[in-house]
N, C-alpha and C. Protein backbone atom coordinates (compact mmCIF):
# COMPACT_ATOMS: atom_id res chain seq x y z
N MET A 1 -21.53 -4.87 7.21
CA MET A 1 -20.56 -3.78 7.18
C MET A 1 -19.99 -3.55 5.78
N LEU A 2 -20.07 -4.56 4.93
CA LEU A 2 -19.50 -4.45 3.59
C LEU A 2 -20.24 -3.40 2.76
N THR A 3 -21.54 -3.22 3.04
CA THR A 3 -22.35 -2.34 2.21
C THR A 3 -22.47 -0.93 2.77
N ASN A 4 -21.72 -0.59 3.82
CA ASN A 4 -21.79 0.80 4.27
C ASN A 4 -21.02 1.68 3.28
N ILE A 5 -21.29 2.97 3.32
CA ILE A 5 -20.77 3.90 2.31
C ILE A 5 -19.24 3.92 2.27
N PRO A 6 -18.53 4.03 3.41
CA PRO A 6 -17.06 4.04 3.34
C PRO A 6 -16.49 2.79 2.68
N ASN A 7 -17.01 1.62 3.02
CA ASN A 7 -16.48 0.39 2.43
C ASN A 7 -16.82 0.29 0.94
N LEU A 8 -17.99 0.79 0.56
CA LEU A 8 -18.35 0.80 -0.86
C LEU A 8 -17.41 1.70 -1.66
N LEU A 9 -17.02 2.82 -1.06
CA LEU A 9 -16.05 3.70 -1.72
C LEU A 9 -14.71 3.00 -1.89
N THR A 10 -14.29 2.28 -0.85
CA THR A 10 -13.02 1.54 -0.94
C THR A 10 -13.11 0.47 -2.03
N LEU A 11 -14.23 -0.25 -2.07
CA LEU A 11 -14.41 -1.29 -3.09
C LEU A 11 -14.46 -0.69 -4.49
N SER A 12 -15.02 0.52 -4.61
CA SER A 12 -15.08 1.17 -5.93
C SER A 12 -13.66 1.50 -6.41
N ARG A 13 -12.75 1.76 -5.48
CA ARG A 13 -11.36 2.02 -5.86
C ARG A 13 -10.74 0.76 -6.45
N ILE A 14 -11.05 -0.37 -5.87
CA ILE A 14 -10.55 -1.64 -6.42
C ILE A 14 -11.20 -1.92 -7.77
N ALA A 15 -12.50 -1.63 -7.87
CA ALA A 15 -13.23 -1.88 -9.11
C ALA A 15 -12.77 -0.98 -10.25
N SER A 16 -12.16 0.16 -9.92
CA SER A 16 -11.70 1.09 -10.96
C SER A 16 -10.42 0.61 -11.64
N ILE A 17 -9.74 -0.37 -11.05
CA ILE A 17 -8.45 -0.82 -11.60
C ILE A 17 -8.60 -1.41 -13.01
N PRO A 18 -9.56 -2.33 -13.26
CA PRO A 18 -9.69 -2.83 -14.64
C PRO A 18 -10.00 -1.73 -15.65
N LEU A 19 -10.78 -0.74 -15.22
CA LEU A 19 -11.09 0.38 -16.10
C LEU A 19 -9.84 1.19 -16.41
N LEU A 20 -9.04 1.43 -15.40
CA LEU A 20 -7.80 2.18 -15.57
C LEU A 20 -6.84 1.44 -16.51
N VAL A 21 -6.74 0.13 -16.33
CA VAL A 21 -5.89 -0.69 -17.20
C VAL A 21 -6.40 -0.65 -18.64
N GLY A 22 -7.71 -0.74 -18.80
CA GLY A 22 -8.30 -0.74 -20.14
C GLY A 22 -8.03 0.52 -20.92
N PHE A 23 -7.96 1.66 -20.24
CA PHE A 23 -7.73 2.93 -20.93
C PHE A 23 -6.33 3.03 -21.53
N PHE A 24 -5.41 2.22 -21.07
CA PHE A 24 -4.08 2.21 -21.68
C PHE A 24 -4.16 1.74 -23.13
N TYR A 25 -5.13 0.92 -23.45
CA TYR A 25 -5.24 0.34 -24.78
C TYR A 25 -6.06 1.20 -25.75
N ILE A 26 -6.61 2.29 -25.24
CA ILE A 26 -7.36 3.20 -26.13
C ILE A 26 -6.39 4.03 -26.97
N GLY A 27 -5.24 4.35 -26.37
CA GLY A 27 -4.26 5.15 -27.10
C GLY A 27 -4.32 6.61 -26.72
N SER A 28 -3.27 7.35 -27.12
CA SER A 28 -3.15 8.77 -26.79
C SER A 28 -3.93 9.62 -27.80
N PRO A 29 -4.40 10.81 -27.36
CA PRO A 29 -4.34 11.33 -25.99
C PRO A 29 -5.56 10.96 -25.14
N LEU A 30 -6.60 10.41 -25.79
CA LEU A 30 -7.85 10.16 -25.07
C LEU A 30 -7.65 9.20 -23.90
N GLY A 31 -6.94 8.10 -24.14
CA GLY A 31 -6.74 7.11 -23.09
C GLY A 31 -5.99 7.68 -21.90
N ASN A 32 -5.02 8.57 -22.17
CA ASN A 32 -4.25 9.18 -21.08
C ASN A 32 -5.14 10.01 -20.16
N TRP A 33 -5.98 10.85 -20.78
CA TRP A 33 -6.83 11.73 -19.97
C TRP A 33 -7.96 10.98 -19.29
N LEU A 34 -8.51 9.97 -19.95
CA LEU A 34 -9.54 9.16 -19.30
C LEU A 34 -8.96 8.40 -18.11
N GLY A 35 -7.73 7.89 -18.30
CA GLY A 35 -7.06 7.21 -17.19
C GLY A 35 -6.83 8.14 -16.02
N LEU A 36 -6.43 9.38 -16.32
CA LEU A 36 -6.23 10.36 -15.26
C LEU A 36 -7.53 10.62 -14.52
N GLY A 37 -8.63 10.68 -15.26
CA GLY A 37 -9.93 10.89 -14.62
C GLY A 37 -10.26 9.78 -13.64
N VAL A 38 -9.99 8.54 -14.04
CA VAL A 38 -10.25 7.40 -13.16
C VAL A 38 -9.34 7.46 -11.93
N LEU A 39 -8.08 7.85 -12.14
CA LEU A 39 -7.14 7.94 -11.02
C LEU A 39 -7.56 9.02 -10.04
N ILE A 40 -8.04 10.16 -10.54
CA ILE A 40 -8.53 11.22 -9.67
C ILE A 40 -9.72 10.73 -8.85
N PHE A 41 -10.62 10.00 -9.50
CA PHE A 41 -11.76 9.42 -8.77
C PHE A 41 -11.28 8.48 -7.67
N ALA A 42 -10.30 7.63 -8.01
CA ALA A 42 -9.78 6.67 -7.03
C ALA A 42 -9.12 7.41 -5.87
N GLY A 43 -8.38 8.47 -6.18
CA GLY A 43 -7.74 9.25 -5.12
C GLY A 43 -8.77 9.92 -4.22
N ALA A 44 -9.87 10.37 -4.81
CA ALA A 44 -10.93 11.00 -4.01
C ALA A 44 -11.57 9.98 -3.06
N THR A 45 -11.79 8.76 -3.55
CA THR A 45 -12.37 7.73 -2.67
C THR A 45 -11.41 7.39 -1.53
N ASP A 46 -10.11 7.50 -1.79
CA ASP A 46 -9.11 7.21 -0.75
C ASP A 46 -9.23 8.20 0.39
N PHE A 47 -9.59 9.44 0.07
CA PHE A 47 -9.80 10.45 1.11
C PHE A 47 -11.14 10.29 1.80
N PHE A 48 -12.19 10.15 0.99
CA PHE A 48 -13.54 10.19 1.55
C PHE A 48 -13.93 8.92 2.29
N ASP A 49 -13.34 7.76 1.95
CA ASP A 49 -13.74 6.56 2.69
C ASP A 49 -13.36 6.67 4.17
N GLY A 50 -12.13 7.15 4.42
CA GLY A 50 -11.70 7.33 5.80
C GLY A 50 -12.44 8.46 6.50
N TYR A 51 -12.64 9.57 5.78
CA TYR A 51 -13.33 10.73 6.36
C TYR A 51 -14.77 10.38 6.74
N LEU A 52 -15.48 9.71 5.83
CA LEU A 52 -16.88 9.36 6.09
C LEU A 52 -16.98 8.29 7.18
N ALA A 53 -16.01 7.37 7.21
CA ALA A 53 -16.03 6.33 8.24
C ALA A 53 -15.97 6.95 9.63
N ARG A 54 -15.13 7.99 9.76
CA ARG A 54 -15.04 8.67 11.05
C ARG A 54 -16.26 9.53 11.32
N ALA A 55 -16.70 10.28 10.30
CA ALA A 55 -17.83 11.20 10.48
C ALA A 55 -19.13 10.45 10.76
N MET A 56 -19.31 9.29 10.09
CA MET A 56 -20.55 8.51 10.25
C MET A 56 -20.42 7.41 11.30
N GLN A 57 -19.25 7.39 11.97
CA GLN A 57 -18.99 6.38 12.99
C GLN A 57 -19.21 4.97 12.44
N GLN A 58 -18.66 4.75 11.26
CA GLN A 58 -18.78 3.45 10.60
C GLN A 58 -17.40 2.81 10.38
N GLN A 59 -16.47 3.14 11.27
CA GLN A 59 -15.15 2.51 11.19
C GLN A 59 -15.28 1.03 11.53
N SER A 60 -14.59 0.21 10.79
CA SER A 60 -14.70 -1.24 10.98
C SER A 60 -13.37 -1.89 10.68
N LEU A 61 -13.20 -3.11 11.18
CA LEU A 61 -12.00 -3.87 10.90
C LEU A 61 -11.90 -4.20 9.41
N LEU A 62 -13.06 -4.43 8.79
CA LEU A 62 -13.07 -4.71 7.35
C LEU A 62 -12.55 -3.52 6.57
N GLY A 63 -12.98 -2.31 6.96
CA GLY A 63 -12.51 -1.11 6.30
C GLY A 63 -11.02 -0.90 6.47
N LYS A 64 -10.52 -1.14 7.69
CA LYS A 64 -9.09 -1.00 7.94
C LYS A 64 -8.29 -2.03 7.14
N PHE A 65 -8.91 -3.18 6.88
CA PHE A 65 -8.26 -4.22 6.09
C PHE A 65 -8.26 -3.86 4.60
N LEU A 66 -9.41 -3.39 4.10
CA LEU A 66 -9.57 -3.14 2.67
C LEU A 66 -8.82 -1.90 2.18
N ASP A 67 -8.78 -0.86 3.01
CA ASP A 67 -8.24 0.43 2.55
C ASP A 67 -6.78 0.33 2.08
N PRO A 68 -5.85 -0.19 2.90
CA PRO A 68 -4.47 -0.28 2.39
C PRO A 68 -4.31 -1.26 1.24
N ILE A 69 -5.14 -2.32 1.21
CA ILE A 69 -5.08 -3.28 0.11
C ILE A 69 -5.50 -2.60 -1.20
N ALA A 70 -6.56 -1.80 -1.13
CA ALA A 70 -7.03 -1.09 -2.33
C ALA A 70 -5.94 -0.16 -2.86
N ASP A 71 -5.28 0.56 -1.95
CA ASP A 71 -4.19 1.46 -2.36
C ASP A 71 -3.06 0.69 -3.04
N LYS A 72 -2.67 -0.42 -2.44
CA LYS A 72 -1.54 -1.20 -2.97
C LYS A 72 -1.88 -1.82 -4.32
N LEU A 73 -3.09 -2.33 -4.47
CA LEU A 73 -3.51 -2.90 -5.76
C LEU A 73 -3.52 -1.84 -6.85
N LEU A 74 -4.02 -0.67 -6.51
CA LEU A 74 -4.10 0.42 -7.50
C LEU A 74 -2.70 0.87 -7.91
N VAL A 75 -1.84 1.13 -6.92
CA VAL A 75 -0.49 1.62 -7.22
C VAL A 75 0.31 0.57 -7.99
N ALA A 76 0.26 -0.68 -7.55
CA ALA A 76 1.02 -1.74 -8.21
C ALA A 76 0.55 -1.94 -9.65
N SER A 77 -0.76 -1.96 -9.85
CA SER A 77 -1.31 -2.16 -11.21
C SER A 77 -0.89 -1.03 -12.13
N LEU A 78 -0.97 0.19 -11.62
CA LEU A 78 -0.64 1.34 -12.45
C LEU A 78 0.85 1.39 -12.78
N ILE A 79 1.70 1.08 -11.82
CA ILE A 79 3.14 1.06 -12.09
C ILE A 79 3.49 0.02 -13.15
N LEU A 80 2.91 -1.16 -13.04
CA LEU A 80 3.18 -2.22 -14.02
C LEU A 80 2.75 -1.80 -15.42
N MET A 81 1.58 -1.16 -15.52
CA MET A 81 1.10 -0.72 -16.83
C MET A 81 1.95 0.41 -17.39
N LEU A 82 2.38 1.33 -16.52
CA LEU A 82 3.22 2.44 -16.98
C LEU A 82 4.57 1.93 -17.50
N VAL A 83 5.13 0.94 -16.82
CA VAL A 83 6.39 0.34 -17.29
C VAL A 83 6.16 -0.39 -18.60
N ALA A 84 5.07 -1.15 -18.68
CA ALA A 84 4.78 -1.92 -19.89
C ALA A 84 4.60 -1.03 -21.11
N PHE A 85 4.03 0.16 -20.91
CA PHE A 85 3.78 1.06 -22.04
C PHE A 85 4.86 2.13 -22.19
N GLY A 86 5.98 1.96 -21.47
CA GLY A 86 7.12 2.84 -21.65
C GLY A 86 6.95 4.24 -21.12
N ARG A 87 6.01 4.46 -20.21
CA ARG A 87 5.80 5.81 -19.67
C ARG A 87 6.64 6.06 -18.41
N ILE A 88 7.30 5.02 -17.92
CA ILE A 88 8.33 5.20 -16.89
C ILE A 88 9.65 4.88 -17.59
N PRO A 89 10.38 5.90 -18.00
CA PRO A 89 11.54 5.68 -18.87
C PRO A 89 12.82 5.34 -18.13
N GLY A 90 13.66 4.53 -18.77
CA GLY A 90 15.03 4.28 -18.35
C GLY A 90 15.19 3.90 -16.90
N ILE A 91 16.12 4.61 -16.24
CA ILE A 91 16.51 4.28 -14.87
C ILE A 91 15.40 4.58 -13.87
N ALA A 92 14.37 5.32 -14.30
CA ALA A 92 13.24 5.62 -13.42
C ALA A 92 12.47 4.37 -13.04
N VAL A 93 12.77 3.25 -13.71
CA VAL A 93 12.17 1.97 -13.33
C VAL A 93 12.64 1.56 -11.94
N LEU A 94 13.85 1.99 -11.54
CA LEU A 94 14.40 1.59 -10.24
C LEU A 94 13.52 2.04 -9.06
N PRO A 95 13.14 3.34 -8.97
CA PRO A 95 12.25 3.71 -7.87
C PRO A 95 10.90 3.01 -7.95
N ALA A 96 10.45 2.70 -9.16
CA ALA A 96 9.20 1.96 -9.31
C ALA A 96 9.32 0.57 -8.70
N VAL A 97 10.48 -0.08 -8.92
CA VAL A 97 10.73 -1.41 -8.34
C VAL A 97 10.79 -1.31 -6.82
N VAL A 98 11.44 -0.25 -6.30
CA VAL A 98 11.52 -0.05 -4.85
C VAL A 98 10.12 0.05 -4.26
N ILE A 99 9.26 0.81 -4.90
CA ILE A 99 7.89 0.99 -4.41
C ILE A 99 7.15 -0.34 -4.41
N LEU A 100 7.27 -1.11 -5.48
CA LEU A 100 6.59 -2.41 -5.56
C LEU A 100 7.10 -3.37 -4.49
N CYS A 101 8.43 -3.41 -4.31
CA CYS A 101 9.00 -4.32 -3.31
C CYS A 101 8.55 -3.95 -1.91
N ARG A 102 8.49 -2.67 -1.64
CA ARG A 102 8.03 -2.22 -0.31
C ARG A 102 6.60 -2.63 -0.07
N GLU A 103 5.74 -2.48 -1.09
CA GLU A 103 4.34 -2.84 -0.92
C GLU A 103 4.19 -4.33 -0.64
N LEU A 104 4.99 -5.15 -1.32
CA LEU A 104 4.95 -6.59 -1.08
C LEU A 104 5.44 -6.93 0.33
N LEU A 105 6.50 -6.25 0.75
CA LEU A 105 7.05 -6.49 2.08
C LEU A 105 6.04 -6.16 3.17
N VAL A 106 5.44 -4.99 3.07
CA VAL A 106 4.48 -4.57 4.09
C VAL A 106 3.24 -5.45 4.07
N SER A 107 2.79 -5.83 2.87
CA SER A 107 1.62 -6.71 2.77
C SER A 107 1.89 -8.05 3.43
N GLY A 108 3.08 -8.62 3.17
CA GLY A 108 3.44 -9.89 3.80
C GLY A 108 3.53 -9.77 5.30
N LEU A 109 4.09 -8.66 5.77
CA LEU A 109 4.21 -8.43 7.21
C LEU A 109 2.84 -8.29 7.85
N ARG A 110 1.95 -7.55 7.19
CA ARG A 110 0.59 -7.39 7.72
C ARG A 110 -0.13 -8.74 7.79
N GLU A 111 0.05 -9.56 6.75
CA GLU A 111 -0.61 -10.86 6.71
C GLU A 111 -0.12 -11.75 7.85
N PHE A 112 1.19 -11.75 8.08
CA PHE A 112 1.76 -12.58 9.15
C PHE A 112 1.24 -12.12 10.51
N LEU A 113 1.27 -10.80 10.75
CA LEU A 113 0.84 -10.28 12.04
C LEU A 113 -0.66 -10.44 12.23
N ALA A 114 -1.42 -10.37 11.15
CA ALA A 114 -2.86 -10.57 11.26
C ALA A 114 -3.17 -11.98 11.74
N GLY A 115 -2.37 -12.96 11.30
CA GLY A 115 -2.55 -14.32 11.76
C GLY A 115 -2.31 -14.46 13.24
N ALA A 116 -1.49 -13.55 13.79
CA ALA A 116 -1.23 -13.55 15.23
C ALA A 116 -2.12 -12.55 15.95
N GLN A 117 -3.12 -12.02 15.22
CA GLN A 117 -4.07 -11.05 15.77
C GLN A 117 -3.37 -9.79 16.28
N VAL A 118 -2.37 -9.34 15.51
CA VAL A 118 -1.66 -8.10 15.80
C VAL A 118 -1.88 -7.14 14.64
N SER A 119 -2.37 -5.95 14.93
CA SER A 119 -2.63 -4.98 13.86
C SER A 119 -1.42 -4.07 13.67
N LEU A 120 -1.26 -3.60 12.44
CA LEU A 120 -0.18 -2.67 12.11
C LEU A 120 -0.83 -1.43 11.48
N PRO A 121 -1.14 -0.42 12.29
CA PRO A 121 -1.88 0.74 11.79
C PRO A 121 -1.13 1.49 10.70
N VAL A 122 -1.89 2.14 9.81
CA VAL A 122 -1.29 2.95 8.75
C VAL A 122 -0.74 4.23 9.37
N SER A 123 0.54 4.52 9.15
CA SER A 123 1.16 5.71 9.74
C SER A 123 0.83 6.95 8.92
N ARG A 124 1.03 8.12 9.55
CA ARG A 124 0.78 9.38 8.84
C ARG A 124 1.75 9.54 7.66
N LEU A 125 3.02 9.14 7.86
CA LEU A 125 3.99 9.22 6.77
C LEU A 125 3.57 8.35 5.60
N ALA A 126 3.03 7.17 5.89
CA ALA A 126 2.57 6.27 4.83
C ALA A 126 1.40 6.89 4.07
N GLN A 127 0.55 7.63 4.77
CA GLN A 127 -0.56 8.31 4.10
C GLN A 127 -0.04 9.39 3.15
N TYR A 128 0.96 10.16 3.61
CA TYR A 128 1.57 11.17 2.74
C TYR A 128 2.23 10.51 1.53
N LYS A 129 2.89 9.38 1.80
CA LYS A 129 3.56 8.65 0.72
C LYS A 129 2.56 8.21 -0.33
N THR A 130 1.41 7.68 0.10
CA THR A 130 0.40 7.22 -0.84
C THR A 130 -0.16 8.38 -1.66
N THR A 131 -0.39 9.53 -1.00
CA THR A 131 -0.88 10.72 -1.71
C THR A 131 0.11 11.16 -2.77
N LEU A 132 1.40 11.20 -2.40
CA LEU A 132 2.43 11.60 -3.36
C LEU A 132 2.50 10.61 -4.52
N GLN A 133 2.39 9.33 -4.22
CA GLN A 133 2.41 8.32 -5.28
C GLN A 133 1.27 8.55 -6.26
N MET A 134 0.08 8.84 -5.76
CA MET A 134 -1.07 9.06 -6.63
C MET A 134 -0.83 10.25 -7.56
N VAL A 135 -0.29 11.34 -6.98
CA VAL A 135 -0.04 12.55 -7.79
C VAL A 135 1.02 12.27 -8.85
N VAL A 136 2.12 11.62 -8.43
CA VAL A 136 3.21 11.31 -9.35
C VAL A 136 2.75 10.39 -10.47
N LEU A 137 1.99 9.36 -10.11
CA LEU A 137 1.49 8.43 -11.12
C LEU A 137 0.52 9.12 -12.08
N GLY A 138 -0.17 10.13 -11.57
CA GLY A 138 -1.04 10.91 -12.46
C GLY A 138 -0.24 11.64 -13.53
N PHE A 139 0.89 12.24 -13.14
CA PHE A 139 1.76 12.91 -14.11
C PHE A 139 2.30 11.92 -15.14
N LEU A 140 2.73 10.76 -14.66
CA LEU A 140 3.27 9.75 -15.57
C LEU A 140 2.20 9.16 -16.47
N LEU A 141 0.98 9.09 -15.95
CA LEU A 141 -0.13 8.56 -16.73
C LEU A 141 -0.46 9.46 -17.91
N VAL A 142 -0.46 10.76 -17.66
CA VAL A 142 -0.69 11.72 -18.76
C VAL A 142 0.51 11.72 -19.71
N GLY A 143 1.72 11.71 -19.11
CA GLY A 143 2.94 11.57 -19.90
C GLY A 143 3.12 12.56 -21.03
N PRO A 144 3.39 12.06 -22.22
CA PRO A 144 3.76 12.92 -23.35
C PRO A 144 2.65 13.84 -23.85
N VAL A 145 1.41 13.59 -23.48
CA VAL A 145 0.33 14.45 -23.96
C VAL A 145 0.06 15.60 -22.99
N GLY A 146 0.79 15.64 -21.88
CA GLY A 146 0.59 16.68 -20.88
C GLY A 146 1.28 17.98 -21.25
N PRO A 147 0.95 19.06 -20.56
CA PRO A 147 1.56 20.37 -20.84
C PRO A 147 2.96 20.47 -20.26
N MET A 148 3.67 21.50 -20.65
CA MET A 148 4.98 21.81 -20.07
C MET A 148 4.77 22.65 -18.81
N PHE A 149 5.62 22.42 -17.81
CA PHE A 149 5.61 23.22 -16.59
C PHE A 149 6.96 23.92 -16.51
N GLY A 150 7.03 25.07 -17.15
CA GLY A 150 8.31 25.76 -17.26
C GLY A 150 9.23 24.94 -18.14
N PRO A 151 10.45 24.63 -17.65
CA PRO A 151 11.39 23.84 -18.47
C PRO A 151 11.14 22.34 -18.39
N PHE A 152 10.19 21.91 -17.56
CA PHE A 152 9.98 20.48 -17.34
C PHE A 152 8.70 19.98 -18.02
N SER A 153 8.82 18.81 -18.61
CA SER A 153 7.64 18.18 -19.19
C SER A 153 6.86 17.45 -18.10
N THR A 154 5.67 17.02 -18.43
CA THR A 154 4.85 16.28 -17.47
C THR A 154 5.55 15.00 -17.04
N THR A 155 6.16 14.32 -17.99
CA THR A 155 6.88 13.07 -17.67
C THR A 155 8.07 13.33 -16.76
N GLU A 156 8.82 14.40 -17.01
CA GLU A 156 9.99 14.71 -16.18
C GLU A 156 9.58 15.01 -14.74
N ILE A 157 8.50 15.74 -14.57
CA ILE A 157 8.00 16.02 -13.22
C ILE A 157 7.59 14.71 -12.54
N GLY A 158 6.94 13.84 -13.31
CA GLY A 158 6.53 12.55 -12.77
C GLY A 158 7.72 11.72 -12.33
N VAL A 159 8.80 11.73 -13.12
CA VAL A 159 10.00 10.95 -12.79
C VAL A 159 10.66 11.50 -11.53
N ILE A 160 10.79 12.82 -11.43
CA ILE A 160 11.38 13.44 -10.23
C ILE A 160 10.54 13.07 -9.00
N GLY A 161 9.23 13.18 -9.14
CA GLY A 161 8.35 12.83 -8.04
C GLY A 161 8.43 11.36 -7.67
N LEU A 162 8.69 10.51 -8.67
CA LEU A 162 8.80 9.08 -8.41
C LEU A 162 10.01 8.77 -7.53
N TRP A 163 11.11 9.45 -7.77
CA TRP A 163 12.30 9.26 -6.92
C TRP A 163 12.02 9.72 -5.49
N ILE A 164 11.33 10.85 -5.35
CA ILE A 164 10.98 11.35 -4.00
C ILE A 164 10.05 10.37 -3.31
N ALA A 165 9.08 9.87 -4.06
CA ALA A 165 8.14 8.90 -3.49
C ALA A 165 8.86 7.63 -3.06
N ALA A 166 9.88 7.22 -3.82
CA ALA A 166 10.65 6.02 -3.46
C ALA A 166 11.38 6.21 -2.14
N VAL A 167 11.92 7.42 -1.92
CA VAL A 167 12.60 7.71 -0.65
C VAL A 167 11.62 7.63 0.51
N LEU A 168 10.45 8.25 0.37
CA LEU A 168 9.42 8.17 1.41
C LEU A 168 8.97 6.73 1.62
N THR A 169 8.93 5.98 0.52
CA THR A 169 8.53 4.58 0.59
C THR A 169 9.51 3.77 1.44
N ILE A 170 10.81 4.03 1.25
CA ILE A 170 11.84 3.33 2.03
C ILE A 170 11.73 3.69 3.51
N VAL A 171 11.56 5.00 3.79
CA VAL A 171 11.48 5.45 5.18
C VAL A 171 10.26 4.86 5.88
N SER A 172 9.09 4.96 5.24
CA SER A 172 7.88 4.43 5.87
C SER A 172 7.93 2.91 5.94
N GLY A 173 8.55 2.27 4.93
CA GLY A 173 8.70 0.82 4.96
C GLY A 173 9.58 0.37 6.11
N TYR A 174 10.64 1.14 6.38
CA TYR A 174 11.52 0.82 7.51
C TYR A 174 10.75 0.94 8.82
N ASP A 175 9.92 1.98 8.94
CA ASP A 175 9.12 2.16 10.16
C ASP A 175 8.21 0.96 10.39
N TYR A 176 7.54 0.51 9.31
CA TYR A 176 6.65 -0.65 9.42
C TYR A 176 7.46 -1.90 9.79
N LEU A 177 8.59 -2.09 9.10
CA LEU A 177 9.40 -3.28 9.34
C LEU A 177 9.91 -3.31 10.78
N ASN A 178 10.36 -2.15 11.26
CA ASN A 178 10.87 -2.07 12.63
C ASN A 178 9.77 -2.40 13.64
N ALA A 179 8.59 -1.80 13.44
CA ALA A 179 7.46 -2.06 14.35
C ALA A 179 7.03 -3.53 14.25
N GLY A 180 7.00 -4.06 13.04
CA GLY A 180 6.59 -5.45 12.85
C GLY A 180 7.55 -6.43 13.49
N LEU A 181 8.86 -6.16 13.32
CA LEU A 181 9.86 -7.06 13.89
C LEU A 181 9.84 -7.03 15.42
N GLN A 182 9.48 -5.88 15.98
CA GLN A 182 9.33 -5.81 17.43
C GLN A 182 8.21 -6.73 17.91
N HIS A 183 7.09 -6.72 17.16
CA HIS A 183 5.98 -7.61 17.49
C HIS A 183 6.42 -9.07 17.34
N VAL A 184 7.16 -9.37 16.27
CA VAL A 184 7.62 -10.74 16.04
C VAL A 184 8.56 -11.18 17.16
N ASP A 185 9.46 -10.29 17.55
CA ASP A 185 10.40 -10.60 18.63
C ASP A 185 9.66 -10.87 19.94
N GLU A 186 8.63 -10.06 20.20
CA GLU A 186 7.83 -10.27 21.40
C GLU A 186 7.11 -11.60 21.36
N MET A 187 6.60 -11.96 20.18
CA MET A 187 5.92 -13.25 20.02
C MET A 187 6.91 -14.40 20.25
N ASP A 188 8.14 -14.26 19.73
CA ASP A 188 9.16 -15.31 19.92
C ASP A 188 9.49 -15.47 21.40
N ARG A 189 9.60 -14.35 22.11
CA ARG A 189 9.91 -14.42 23.54
C ARG A 189 8.80 -15.14 24.32
N LYS A 190 7.54 -14.88 23.94
CA LYS A 190 6.42 -15.54 24.59
C LYS A 190 6.44 -17.05 24.32
N VAL A 191 6.74 -17.40 23.07
CA VAL A 191 6.81 -18.82 22.72
C VAL A 191 7.92 -19.50 23.51
N LEU A 192 9.08 -18.84 23.59
CA LEU A 192 10.21 -19.40 24.32
C LEU A 192 9.89 -19.55 25.81
N ALA A 193 9.22 -18.53 26.37
CA ALA A 193 8.85 -18.59 27.78
C ALA A 193 7.88 -19.74 28.05
N ASN A 194 6.92 -19.94 27.13
CA ASN A 194 5.97 -21.04 27.28
C ASN A 194 6.67 -22.39 27.21
N ARG A 195 7.64 -22.50 26.30
CA ARG A 195 8.40 -23.75 26.18
C ARG A 195 9.18 -24.04 27.46
N GLU A 196 9.76 -22.99 28.04
CA GLU A 196 10.52 -23.16 29.27
C GLU A 196 9.61 -23.58 30.42
N LYS A 197 8.39 -23.02 30.46
CA LYS A 197 7.43 -23.40 31.50
C LYS A 197 7.04 -24.87 31.35
N ILE A 198 6.76 -25.26 30.10
CA ILE A 198 6.37 -26.65 29.85
C ILE A 198 7.51 -27.59 30.20
N SER A 199 8.74 -27.19 29.80
CA SER A 199 9.90 -28.02 30.10
C SER A 199 10.10 -28.15 31.60
N SER A 200 9.89 -27.05 32.33
CA SER A 200 10.04 -27.06 33.78
C SER A 200 9.00 -27.97 34.43
N LYS A 201 7.76 -27.92 33.93
CA LYS A 201 6.70 -28.77 34.46
C LYS A 201 7.00 -30.24 34.22
N ILE A 202 7.53 -30.54 33.02
CA ILE A 202 7.88 -31.93 32.69
C ILE A 202 8.98 -32.44 33.63
N LYS A 203 9.97 -31.58 33.87
CA LYS A 203 11.07 -31.98 34.77
C LYS A 203 10.55 -32.23 36.18
N LYS A 204 9.65 -31.36 36.65
CA LYS A 204 9.09 -31.52 37.99
C LYS A 204 8.27 -32.81 38.08
N THR A 205 7.51 -33.08 37.00
CA THR A 205 6.70 -34.32 36.98
C THR A 205 7.58 -35.54 37.02
N LYS A 206 8.65 -35.53 36.23
CA LYS A 206 9.58 -36.67 36.22
C LYS A 206 10.23 -36.83 37.58
N SER A 207 10.53 -35.72 38.22
CA SER A 207 11.16 -35.77 39.53
C SER A 207 10.24 -36.38 40.58
N VAL A 208 8.94 -36.00 40.49
CA VAL A 208 7.95 -36.55 41.42
C VAL A 208 7.76 -38.04 41.18
N ILE A 209 7.71 -38.43 39.92
CA ILE A 209 7.53 -39.85 39.57
C ILE A 209 8.74 -40.66 40.04
N GLY A 210 9.94 -40.06 39.87
CA GLY A 210 11.17 -40.75 40.27
C GLY A 210 11.22 -40.99 41.77
N LYS A 211 10.60 -40.13 42.55
CA LYS A 211 10.59 -40.31 43.99
C LYS A 211 9.60 -41.41 44.38
């Protein structure tokens, strides 16, 4: 299943990360535009891997596992590089931190639930959030070499979009956390019920032995 076309597209998104990071060191303006090209390619694979998986009936657990991980690795890597190179200015670092913390939270929650064989499907809001993040990060990636959009520079549009993306990130993160905690609570109740059954059996056994 690893070598089917949808999964290869997802893996190519992960493989594009070192290339995207490397273009930061080429310098402006070439590195900015080359980086944007790689990001556009990665965004296209994010659409086509899911579309082809459904169209070719090649949906798999591996694909469901890899797809959100590829998105999180790409977004986290790009945010860290943008902060390191000063393309996310000043207080705009705050929504970037919110986005990173949310990704870590959801990843940890998915890992815990996966150990209990409980899946946490990607929501439609989370898909919109990821698309917005890709677009916003594209504006920030181009940064100072980009054109003006009326009174706003490319960086300013990216910063505004980053705040909006952070709000969507919080909302979708809350949805995941709420759903995940419900699963955890259900698991705790099952464990408690099993303990009570075992305790009851032990008491009955002791009672029989005592007689």
